[in-house]
Each structure stands twice: as C-alpha cells, then as structure tokens.
C-alpha cells in the first residue's frame, strides 16, 4: 500500500523554495539586528547607570534605535556594529576618567 503513494515534493505547486529562503534570510537579518540593538542598549544603560553619564548613555541608545531601524530597512549591519564599537569605546574612556 505504501508503494502506491507518489511524492512529488520537488514539482508540487505549493512548494516555493525561493519564498522560503527569502523568509529565512529576513528572519536571520531581524535576529542579528535585534541582538546588536539589545547589546547597544545594554551598553548605553551601563554607561548611564554605572558610570552616571546619562546623556552619553541616551545618545548611545538613540543611535542604536536609529541604526537598527536603518539596518532593518536597508539590510545593512555596518552602522549598528559601528555604534557597538563607539559605545564600547565610550564605556572604556568614561570608565577610566
């Protein structure tokens, strides 16, 4: 009885591999951008809460939100990573002084 069933997954009408791959790539972009955004916010809160430099922490958080929105719109991760580097540098320099 199992021999009588034909599986045509590769040629089925509802099998749209390109749409699945596009959805997966969008999921990965959203996940990576979200993780970078959360890291930026945590560093901004550390600058504000631990070092009591709330203005600089707020600048980092706002920059993180702007670059995350831009990253989701354009698919670019570079600006968000640049904000992480700026935030880490700010954290290090304000921690020393």
PDB file of N, CA and C in Angstrom:
ATOM      1  N   UNK A   1       0.818  -1.175   0.000  1.00  0.00           N
ATOM      2  CA  UNK A   1       0.000   0.000   0.000  1.00  0.00           C
ATOM      3  C   UNK A   1       0.873   1.255   0.000  1.00  0.00           C
ATOM      4  N   UNK A   2       2.003   1.222   0.690  1.00  0.00           N
ATOM      5  CA  UNK A   2       2.893   2.367   0.702  1.00  0.00           C
ATOM      6  C   UNK A   2       3.533   2.584  -0.661  1.00  0.00           C
ATOM      7  N   UNK A   3       3.584   1.558  -1.482  1.00  0.00           N
ATOM      8  CA  UNK A   3       4.180   1.679  -2.806  1.00  0.00           C
ATOM      9  C   UNK A   3       3.304   2.482  -3.754  1.00  0.00           C
ATOM     10  N   UNK A   4       2.042   2.629  -3.450  1.00  0.00           N
ATOM     11  CA  UNK A   4       1.112   3.291  -4.360  1.00  0.00           C
ATOM     12  C   UNK A   4       1.127   4.814  -4.216  1.00  0.00           C
ATOM     13  N   UNK A   5       1.733   5.324  -3.154  1.00  0.00           N
ATOM     14  CA  UNK A   5       1.729   6.770  -2.933  1.00  0.00           C
ATOM     15  C   UNK A   5       2.940   7.373  -3.630  1.00  0.00           C
ATOM     16  N   UNK A   6       2.686   8.371  -4.447  1.00  0.00           N
ATOM     17  CA  UNK A   6       3.778   9.075  -5.120  1.00  0.00           C
ATOM     18  C   UNK A   6       3.966  10.438  -4.464  1.00  0.00           C
ATOM     19  N   UNK A   7       5.203  10.734  -4.118  1.00  0.00           N
ATOM     20  CA  UNK A   7       5.523  12.016  -3.522  1.00  0.00           C
ATOM     21  C   UNK A   7       6.218  12.884  -4.561  1.00  0.00           C
ATOM     22  N   UNK A   8       5.623  14.001  -4.825  1.00  0.00           N
ATOM     23  CA  UNK A   8       6.186  14.924  -5.804  1.00  0.00           C
ATOM     24  C   UNK A   8       6.486  16.261  -5.143  1.00  0.00           C
ATOM     25  N   UNK A   9       7.314  16.231  -4.113  1.00  0.00           N
ATOM     26  CA  UNK A   9       7.625  17.462  -3.397  1.00  0.00           C
ATOM     27  C   UNK A   9       8.372  18.454  -4.269  1.00  0.00           C
ATOM     28  N   UNK A  10       9.250  17.961  -5.106  1.00  0.00           N
ATOM     29  CA  UNK A  10      10.072  18.872  -5.907  1.00  0.00           C
ATOM     30  C   UNK A  10       9.261  19.576  -6.981  1.00  0.00           C
ATOM     31  N   UNK A  11       8.194  18.968  -7.433  1.00  0.00           N
ATOM     32  CA  UNK A  11       7.403  19.561  -8.511  1.00  0.00           C
ATOM     33  C   UNK A  11       6.024  19.993  -8.055  1.00  0.00           C
ATOM     34  N   UNK A  12       5.767  19.993  -6.759  1.00  0.00           N
ATOM     35  CA  UNK A  12       4.447  20.370  -6.258  1.00  0.00           C
ATOM     36  C   UNK A  12       4.188  21.850  -6.508  1.00  0.00           C
ATOM     37  N   UNK A  13       2.923  22.196  -6.688  1.00  0.00           N
ATOM     38  CA  UNK A  13       2.553  23.582  -6.990  1.00  0.00           C
ATOM     39  C   UNK A  13       2.788  24.494  -5.791  1.00  0.00           C
ATOM     40  N   UNK A  14       2.614  24.014  -4.577  1.00  0.00           N
ATOM     41  CA  UNK A  14       2.746  24.844  -3.395  1.00  0.00           C
ATOM     42  C   UNK A  14       4.153  24.925  -2.840  1.00  0.00           C
ATOM     43  N   UNK A  15       5.115  24.297  -3.481  1.00  0.00           N
ATOM     44  CA  UNK A  15       6.484  24.279  -2.978  1.00  0.00           C
ATOM     45  C   UNK A  15       7.251  25.441  -3.593  1.00  0.00           C
ATOM     46  N   UNK A  16       7.427  26.504  -2.822  1.00  0.00           N
ATOM     47  CA  UNK A  16       8.105  27.696  -3.314  1.00  0.00           C
ATOM     48  C   UNK A  16       9.386  27.907  -2.512  1.00  0.00           C
ATOM     49  N   UNK A  17      10.466  27.295  -2.954  1.00  0.00           N
ATOM     50  CA  UNK A  17      11.722  27.328  -2.241  1.00  0.00           C
ATOM     51  C   UNK A  17      12.286  28.743  -2.149  1.00  0.00           C
ATOM     52  N   UNK A  18      12.132  29.545  -3.185  1.00  0.00           N
ATOM     53  CA  UNK A  18      12.662  30.911  -3.162  1.00  0.00           C
ATOM     54  C   UNK A  18      11.990  31.747  -2.075  1.00  0.00           C
ATOM     55  N   UNK A  19      10.695  31.580  -1.886  1.00  0.00           N
ATOM     56  CA  UNK A  19       9.980  32.324  -0.838  1.00  0.00           C
ATOM     57  C   UNK A  19      10.419  31.857   0.546  1.00  0.00           C
ATOM     58  N   UNK A  20      10.671  30.566   0.704  1.00  0.00           N
ATOM     59  CA  UNK A  20      11.152  30.047   1.986  1.00  0.00           C
ATOM     60  C   UNK A  20      12.541  30.595   2.311  1.00  0.00           C
ATOM     61  N   UNK A  21      13.414  30.614   1.323  1.00  0.00           N
ATOM     62  CA  UNK A  21      14.756  31.145   1.548  1.00  0.00           C
ATOM     63  C   UNK A  21      14.717  32.629   1.865  1.00  0.00           C
ATOM     64  N   UNK A  22      13.857  33.385   1.198  1.00  0.00           N
ATOM     65  CA  UNK A  22      13.726  34.808   1.475  1.00  0.00           C
ATOM     66  C   UNK A  22      13.202  35.030   2.897  1.00  0.00           C
ATOM     67  N   UNK A  23      12.242  34.245   3.318  1.00  0.00           N
ATOM     68  CA  UNK A  23      11.719  34.348   4.677  1.00  0.00           C
ATOM     69  C   UNK A  23      12.770  34.001   5.715  1.00  0.00           C
ATOM     70  N   UNK A  24      13.563  32.997   5.436  1.00  0.00           N
ATOM     71  CA  UNK A  24      14.648  32.619   6.349  1.00  0.00           C
ATOM     72  C   UNK A  24      15.683  33.734   6.453  1.00  0.00           C
ATOM     73  N   UNK A  25      16.064  34.310   5.317  1.00  0.00           N
ATOM     74  CA  UNK A  25      17.046  35.400   5.331  1.00  0.00           C
ATOM     75  C   UNK A  25      16.514  36.619   6.079  1.00  0.00           C
ATOM     76  N   UNK A  26      15.222  36.909   5.935  1.00  0.00           N
ATOM     77  CA  UNK A  26      14.633  38.020   6.685  1.00  0.00           C
ATOM     78  C   UNK A  26      14.638  37.726   8.178  1.00  0.00           C
ATOM     79  N   UNK A  27      14.380  36.491   8.551  1.00  0.00           N
ATOM     80  CA  UNK A  27      14.413  36.103   9.957  1.00  0.00           C
ATOM     81  C   UNK A  27      15.817  36.265  10.535  1.00  0.00           C
ATOM     82  N   UNK A  28      16.823  35.835   9.796  1.00  0.00           N
ATOM     83  CA  UNK A  28      18.203  35.955  10.261  1.00  0.00           C
ATOM     84  C   UNK A  28      18.585  37.428  10.393  1.00  0.00           C
ATOM     85  N   UNK A  29      18.218  38.266   9.413  1.00  0.00           N
ATOM     86  CA  UNK A  29      18.515  39.696   9.489  1.00  0.00           C
ATOM     87  C   UNK A  29      17.844  40.334  10.696  1.00  0.00           C
ATOM     88  N   UNK A  30      16.594  40.000  10.948  1.00  0.00           N
ATOM     89  CA  UNK A  30      15.870  40.546  12.092  1.00  0.00           C
ATOM     90  C   UNK A  30      16.510  40.102  13.401  1.00  0.00           C
ATOM     91  N   UNK A  31      16.909  38.851  13.478  1.00  0.00           N
ATOM     92  CA  UNK A  31      17.521  38.325  14.698  1.00  0.00           C
ATOM     93  C   UNK A  31      18.868  38.989  14.978  1.00  0.00           C
ATOM     94  N   UNK A  32      19.710  39.091  13.976  1.00  0.00           N
ATOM     95  CA  UNK A  32      21.034  39.697  14.167  1.00  0.00           C
ATOM     96  C   UNK A  32      20.896  41.177  14.512  1.00  0.00           C
ATOM     97  N   UNK A  33      20.022  41.881  13.810  1.00  0.00           N
ATOM     98  CA  UNK A  33      19.808  43.301  14.103  1.00  0.00           C
ATOM     99  C   UNK A  33      19.245  43.486  15.501  1.00  0.00           C
ATOM    100  N   UNK A  34      18.346  42.618  15.924  1.00  0.00           N
ATOM    101  CA  UNK A  34      17.787  42.696  17.271  1.00  0.00           C
ATOM    102  C   UNK A  34      18.825  42.441  18.347  1.00  0.00           C
ATOM    103  N   UNK A  35      19.698  41.478  18.119  1.00  0.00           N
ATOM    104  CA  UNK A  35      20.753  41.182  19.096  1.00  0.00           C
ATOM    105  C   UNK A  35      21.723  42.351  19.212  1.00  0.00           C
ATOM    106  N   UNK A  36      22.110  42.925  18.082  1.00  0.00           N
ATOM    107  CA  UNK A  36      23.010  44.078  18.110  1.00  0.00           C
ATOM    108  C   UNK A  36      22.333  45.252  18.815  1.00  0.00           C
ATOM    109  N   UNK A  37      21.036  45.454  18.577  1.00  0.00           N
ATOM    110  CA  UNK A  37      20.301  46.534  19.238  1.00  0.00           C
ATOM    111  C   UNK A  37      20.277  46.336  20.753  1.00  0.00           C
ATOM    112  N   UNK A  38      20.014  45.121  21.196  1.00  0.00           N
ATOM    113  CA  UNK A  38      19.974  44.846  22.636  1.00  0.00           C
ATOM    114  C   UNK A  38      21.348  45.065  23.267  1.00  0.00           C
ATOM    115  N   UNK A  39      22.410  44.657  22.584  1.00  0.00           N
ATOM    116  CA  UNK A  39      23.766  44.879  23.098  1.00  0.00           C
ATOM    117  C   UNK A  39      24.035  46.381  23.229  1.00  0.00           C
ATOM    118  N   UNK A  40      23.631  47.156  22.224  1.00  0.00           N
ATOM    119  CA  UNK A  40      23.813  48.608  22.284  1.00  0.00           C
ATOM    120  C   UNK A  40      23.049  49.217  23.443  1.00  0.00           C
ATOM    121  N   UNK A  41      21.817  48.792  23.649  1.00  0.00           N
ATOM    122  CA  UNK A  41      21.013  49.337  24.749  1.00  0.00           C
ATOM    123  C   UNK A  41      21.640  48.972  26.091  1.00  0.00           C
ATOM    124  N   UNK A  42      22.104  47.756  26.234  1.00  0.00           N
ATOM    125  CA  UNK A  42      22.743  47.354  27.489  1.00  0.00           C
ATOM    126  C   UNK A  42      24.011  48.157  27.766  1.00  0.00           C
ATOM    127  N   UNK A  43      24.790  48.419  26.747  1.00  0.00           N
ATOM    128  CA  UNK A  43      25.994  49.229  26.942  1.00  0.00           C
ATOM    129  C   UNK A  43      25.596  50.665  27.297  1.00  0.00           C
ATOM    130  N   UNK A  44      24.559  51.194  26.637  1.00  0.00           N
ATOM    131  CA  UNK A  44      24.083  52.532  26.965  1.00  0.00           C
ATOM    132  C   UNK A  44      23.579  52.628  28.393  1.00  0.00           C
ATOM    133  N   UNK A  45      22.878  51.611  28.850  1.00  0.00           N
ATOM    134  CA  UNK A  45      22.413  51.601  30.231  1.00  0.00           C
ATOM    135  C   UNK A  45      23.577  51.451  31.216  1.00  0.00           C
ATOM    136  N   UNK A  46      24.592  50.722  30.830  1.00  0.00           N
ATOM    137  CA  UNK A  46      25.771  50.599  31.686  1.00  0.00           C
ATOM    138  C   UNK A  46      26.493  51.941  31.796  1.00  0.00           C
ATOM    139  N   UNK A  47      26.591  52.654  30.692  1.00  0.00           N
ATOM    140  CA  UNK A  47      27.219  53.977  30.732  1.00  0.00           C
ATOM    141  C   UNK A  47      26.413  54.910  31.625  1.00  0.00           C
ATOM    142  N   UNK A  48      25.103  54.869  31.482  1.00  0.00           N
ATOM    143  CA  UNK A  48      24.272  55.756  32.282  1.00  0.00           C
ATOM    144  C   UNK A  48      24.158  55.348  33.727  1.00  0.00           C
ATOM    145  N   UNK A  49      23.895  54.089  33.981  1.00  0.00           N
ATOM    146  CA  UNK A  49      23.636  53.639  35.342  1.00  0.00           C
ATOM    147  C   UNK A  49      24.868  53.433  36.181  1.00  0.00           C
ATOM    148  N   UNK A  50      25.872  52.826  35.634  1.00  0.00           N
ATOM    149  CA  UNK A  50      27.065  52.506  36.411  1.00  0.00           C
ATOM    150  C   UNK A  50      27.995  53.703  36.489  1.00  0.00           C
ATOM    151  N   UNK A  51      28.198  54.373  35.374  1.00  0.00           N
ATOM    152  CA  UNK A  51      29.150  55.480  35.343  1.00  0.00           C
ATOM    153  C   UNK A  51      28.486  56.843  35.554  1.00  0.00           C
ATOM    154  N   UNK A  52      27.167  56.877  35.651  1.00  0.00           N
ATOM    155  CA  UNK A  52      26.382  58.091  35.874  1.00  0.00           C
ATOM    156  C   UNK A  52      26.622  59.138  34.783  1.00  0.00           C
ATOM    157  N   UNK A  53      26.695  58.679  33.550  1.00  0.00           N
ATOM    158  CA  UNK A  53      26.810  59.561  32.382  1.00  0.00           C
ATOM    159  C   UNK A  53      25.562  59.348  31.522  1.00  0.00           C
ATOM    160  N   UNK A  54      24.428  59.836  32.003  1.00  0.00           N
ATOM    161  CA  UNK A  54      23.152  59.535  31.363  1.00  0.00           C
ATOM    162  C   UNK A  54      23.005  60.170  29.988  1.00  0.00           C
ATOM    163  N   UNK A  55      23.598  61.322  29.769  1.00  0.00           N
ATOM    164  CA  UNK A  55      23.496  61.948  28.454  1.00  0.00           C
ATOM    165  C   UNK A  55      24.191  61.091  27.398  1.00  0.00           C
ATOM    166  N   UNK A  56      25.381  60.637  27.692  1.00  0.00           N
ATOM    167  CA  UNK A  56      26.105  59.773  26.754  1.00  0.00           C
ATOM    168  C   UNK A  56      25.386  58.441  26.570  1.00  0.00           C
ATOM    169  N   UNK A  57      24.841  57.902  27.666  1.00  0.00           N
ATOM    170  CA  UNK A  57      24.077  56.659  27.551  1.00  0.00           C
ATOM    171  C   UNK A  57      22.842  56.829  26.683  1.00  0.00           C
ATOM    172  N   UNK A  58      22.166  57.974  26.828  1.00  0.00           N
ATOM    173  CA  UNK A  58      20.983  58.238  25.999  1.00  0.00           C
ATOM    174  C   UNK A  58      21.363  58.399  24.536  1.00  0.00           C
ATOM    175  N   UNK A  59      22.509  59.017  24.276  1.00  0.00           N
ATOM    176  CA  UNK A  59      22.972  59.165  22.891  1.00  0.00           C
ATOM    177  C   UNK A  59      23.229  57.795  22.275  1.00  0.00           C
ATOM    178  N   UNK A  60      23.832  56.907  23.036  1.00  0.00           N
ATOM    179  CA  UNK A  60      24.100  55.550  22.533  1.00  0.00           C
ATOM    180  C   UNK A  60      22.789  54.815  22.251  1.00  0.00           C
ATOM    181  N   UNK A  61      21.816  54.937  23.150  1.00  0.00           N
ATOM    182  CA  UNK A  61      20.543  54.232  22.973  1.00  0.00           C
ATOM    183  C   UNK A  61      19.779  54.778  21.768  1.00  0.00           C
ATOM    184  N   UNK A  62      19.759  56.097  21.608  1.00  0.00           N
ATOM    185  CA  UNK A  62      19.073  56.687  20.454  1.00  0.00           C
ATOM    186  C   UNK A  62      19.791  56.306  19.154  1.00  0.00           C
ATOM    187  N   UNK A  63      21.115  56.343  19.168  1.00  0.00           N
ATOM    188  CA  UNK A  63      21.872  55.932  17.980  1.00  0.00           C
ATOM    189  C   UNK A  63      21.621  54.463  17.661  1.00  0.00           C
ATOM    190  N   UNK A  64      21.482  53.646  18.701  1.00  0.00           N
ATOM    191  CA  UNK A  64      21.193  52.222  18.488  1.00  0.00           C
ATOM    192  C   UNK A  64      19.832  52.037  17.837  1.00  0.00           C
ATOM    193  N   UNK A  65      18.835  52.799  18.288  1.00  0.00           N
ATOM    194  CA  UNK A  65      17.499  52.681  17.709  1.00  0.00           C
ATOM    195  C   UNK A  65      17.482  53.143  16.256  1.00  0.00           C
ATOM    196  N   UNK A  66      18.153  54.240  15.977  1.00  0.00           N
ATOM    197  CA  UNK A  66      18.180  54.765  14.605  1.00  0.00           C
ATOM    198  C   UNK A  66      18.895  53.801  13.670  1.00  0.00           C
ATOM    199  N   UNK A  67      20.053  53.293  14.094  1.00  0.00           N
ATOM    200  CA  UNK A  67      20.802  52.387  13.221  1.00  0.00           C
ATOM    201  C   UNK A  67      20.115  51.025  13.087  1.00  0.00           C
ATOM    202  N   UNK A  68      19.393  50.594  14.114  1.00  0.00           N
ATOM    203  CA  UNK A  68      18.642  49.340  13.993  1.00  0.00           C
ATOM    204  C   UNK A  68      17.510  49.497  12.985  1.00  0.00           C
ATOM    205  N   UNK A  69      16.815  50.628  13.039  1.00  0.00           N
ATOM    206  CA  UNK A  69      15.747  50.876  12.071  1.00  0.00           C
ATOM    207  C   UNK A  69      16.314  50.955  10.655  1.00  0.00           C
ATOM    208  N   UNK A  70      17.439  51.641  10.506  1.00  0.00           N
ATOM    209  CA  UNK A  70      18.080  51.725   9.201  1.00  0.00           C
ATOM    210  C   UNK A  70      18.542  50.345   8.729  1.00  0.00           C
ATOM    211  N   UNK A  71      19.079  49.558   9.645  1.00  0.00           N
ATOM    212  CA  UNK A  71      19.536  48.215   9.290  1.00  0.00           C
ATOM    213  C   UNK A  71      18.406  47.311   8.846  1.00  0.00           C
ATOM    214  N   UNK A  72      17.248  47.432   9.506  1.00  0.00           N
ATOM    215  CA  UNK A  72      16.098  46.629   9.087  1.00  0.00           C
ATOM    216  C   UNK A  72      15.577  47.092   7.730  1.00  0.00           C
ATOM    217  N   UNK A  73      15.651  48.391   7.471  1.00  0.00           N
ATOM    218  CA  UNK A  73      15.147  48.922   6.218  1.00  0.00           C
ATOM    219  C   UNK A  73      16.068  48.578   5.056  1.00  0.00           C
ATOM    220  N   UNK A  74      17.389  48.674   5.290  1.00  0.00           N
ATOM    221  CA  UNK A  74      18.331  48.500   4.187  1.00  0.00           C
ATOM    222  C   UNK A  74      18.994  47.130   4.152  1.00  0.00           C
ATOM    223  N   UNK A  75      18.982  46.416   5.280  1.00  0.00           N
ATOM    224  CA  UNK A  75      19.662  45.131   5.331  1.00  0.00           C
ATOM    225  C   UNK A  75      21.131  45.244   5.687  1.00  0.00           C
ATOM    226  N   UNK A  76      21.585  46.447   6.014  1.00  0.00           N
ATOM    227  CA  UNK A  76      22.985  46.685   6.350  1.00  0.00           C
ATOM    228  C   UNK A  76      23.201  46.552   7.859  1.00  0.00           C
ATOM    229  N   UNK A  77      24.272  45.896   8.247  1.00  0.00           N
ATOM    230  CA  UNK A  77      24.601  45.743   9.666  1.00  0.00           C
ATOM    231  C   UNK A  77      25.760  46.638  10.078  1.00  0.00           C
ATOM    232  N   UNK A  78      26.410  47.269   9.136  1.00  0.00           N
ATOM    233  CA  UNK A  78      27.582  48.083   9.414  1.00  0.00           C
ATOM    234  C   UNK A  78      27.351  49.223  10.392  1.00  0.00           C
ATOM    235  N   UNK A  79      26.310  50.047  10.201  1.00  0.00           N
ATOM    236  CA  UNK A  79      26.098  51.144  11.145  1.00  0.00           C
ATOM    237  C   UNK A  79      25.828  50.669  12.569  1.00  0.00           C
ATOM    238  N   UNK A  80      25.107  49.579  12.727  1.00  0.00           N
ATOM    239  CA  UNK A  80      24.837  49.065  14.072  1.00  0.00           C
ATOM    240  C   UNK A  80      26.108  48.564  14.739  1.00  0.00           C
ATOM    241  N   UNK A  81      26.968  47.935  13.975  1.00  0.00           N
ATOM    242  CA  UNK A  81      28.241  47.469  14.521  1.00  0.00           C
ATOM    243  C   UNK A  81      29.129  48.664  14.869  1.00  0.00           C
ATOM    244  N   UNK A  82      29.054  49.728  14.063  1.00  0.00           N
ATOM    245  CA  UNK A  82      29.824  50.936  14.369  1.00  0.00           C
ATOM    246  C   UNK A  82      29.355  51.555  15.685  1.00  0.00           C
ATOM    247  N   UNK A  83      28.048  51.512  15.954  1.00  0.00           N
ATOM    248  CA  UNK A  83      27.539  52.044  17.220  1.00  0.00           C
ATOM    249  C   UNK A  83      28.012  51.173  18.384  1.00  0.00           C
ATOM    250  N   UNK A  84      28.087  49.869  18.197  1.00  0.00           N
ATOM    251  CA  UNK A  84      28.623  48.993  19.251  1.00  0.00           C
ATOM    252  C   UNK A  84      30.066  49.377  19.562  1.00  0.00           C
ATOM    253  N   UNK A  85      30.865  49.586  18.536  1.00  0.00           N
ATOM    254  CA  UNK A  85      32.270  49.965  18.750  1.00  0.00           C
ATOM    255  C   UNK A  85      32.361  51.330  19.430  1.00  0.00           C
ATOM    256  N   UNK A  86      31.526  52.288  18.995  1.00  0.00           N
ATOM    257  CA  UNK A  86      31.507  53.599  19.634  1.00  0.00           C
ATOM    258  C   UNK A  86      31.085  53.482  21.096  1.00  0.00           C
ATOM    259  N   UNK A  87      30.071  52.667  21.370  1.00  0.00           N
ATOM    260  CA  UNK A  87      29.584  52.502  22.743  1.00  0.00           C
ATOM    261  C   UNK A  87      30.633  51.849  23.626  1.00  0.00           C
ATOM    262  N   UNK A  88      31.318  50.838  23.114  1.00  0.00           N
ATOM    263  CA  UNK A  88      32.375  50.191  23.901  1.00  0.00           C
ATOM    264  C   UNK A  88      33.538  51.147  24.167  1.00  0.00           C
ATOM    265  N   UNK A  89      33.894  51.937  23.160  1.00  0.00           N
ATOM    266  CA  UNK A  89      34.951  52.926  23.344  1.00  0.00           C
ATOM    267  C   UNK A  89      34.529  53.976  24.366  1.00  0.00           C
ATOM    268  N   UNK A  90      33.285  54.429  24.284  1.00  0.00           N
ATOM    269  CA  UNK A  90      32.762  55.401  25.255  1.00  0.00           C
ATOM    270  C   UNK A  90      32.751  54.826  26.659  1.00  0.00           C
ATOM    271  N   UNK A  91      32.352  53.571  26.776  1.00  0.00           N
ATOM    272  CA  UNK A  91      32.329  52.912  28.082  1.00  0.00           C
ATOM    273  C   UNK A  91      33.736  52.822  28.663  1.00  0.00           C
ATOM    274  N   UNK A  92      34.691  52.474  27.821  1.00  0.00           N
ATOM    275  CA  UNK A  92      36.074  52.349  28.299  1.00  0.00           C
ATOM    276  C   UNK A  92      36.652  53.704  28.695  1.00  0.00           C
ATOM    277  N   UNK A  93      36.414  54.723  27.870  1.00  0.00           N
ATOM    278  CA  UNK A  93      37.000  56.025  28.152  1.00  0.00           C
ATOM    279  C   UNK A  93      36.350  56.711  29.350  1.00  0.00           C
ATOM    280  N   UNK A  94      35.036  56.567  29.500  1.00  0.00           N
ATOM    281  CA  UNK A  94      34.389  57.177  30.647  1.00  0.00           C
ATOM    282  C   UNK A  94      34.671  56.390  31.921  1.00  0.00           C
ATOM    283  N   UNK A  95      34.938  55.126  31.796  1.00  0.00           N
ATOM    284  CA  UNK A  95      35.285  54.322  32.957  1.00  0.00           C
ATOM    285  C   UNK A  95      36.675  54.655  33.498  1.00  0.00           C
ATOM    286  N   UNK A  96      37.554  55.094  32.595  1.00  0.00           N
ATOM    287  CA  UNK A  96      38.903  55.448  33.019  1.00  0.00           C
ATOM    288  C   UNK A  96      38.963  56.825  33.676  1.00  0.00           C
ATOM    289  N   UNK A  97      38.078  57.717  33.237  1.00  0.00           N
ATOM    290  CA  UNK A  97      38.154  59.095  33.712  1.00  0.00           C
ATOM    291  C   UNK A  97      37.277  59.440  34.861  1.00  0.00           C
TER     292      UNK A  97
END
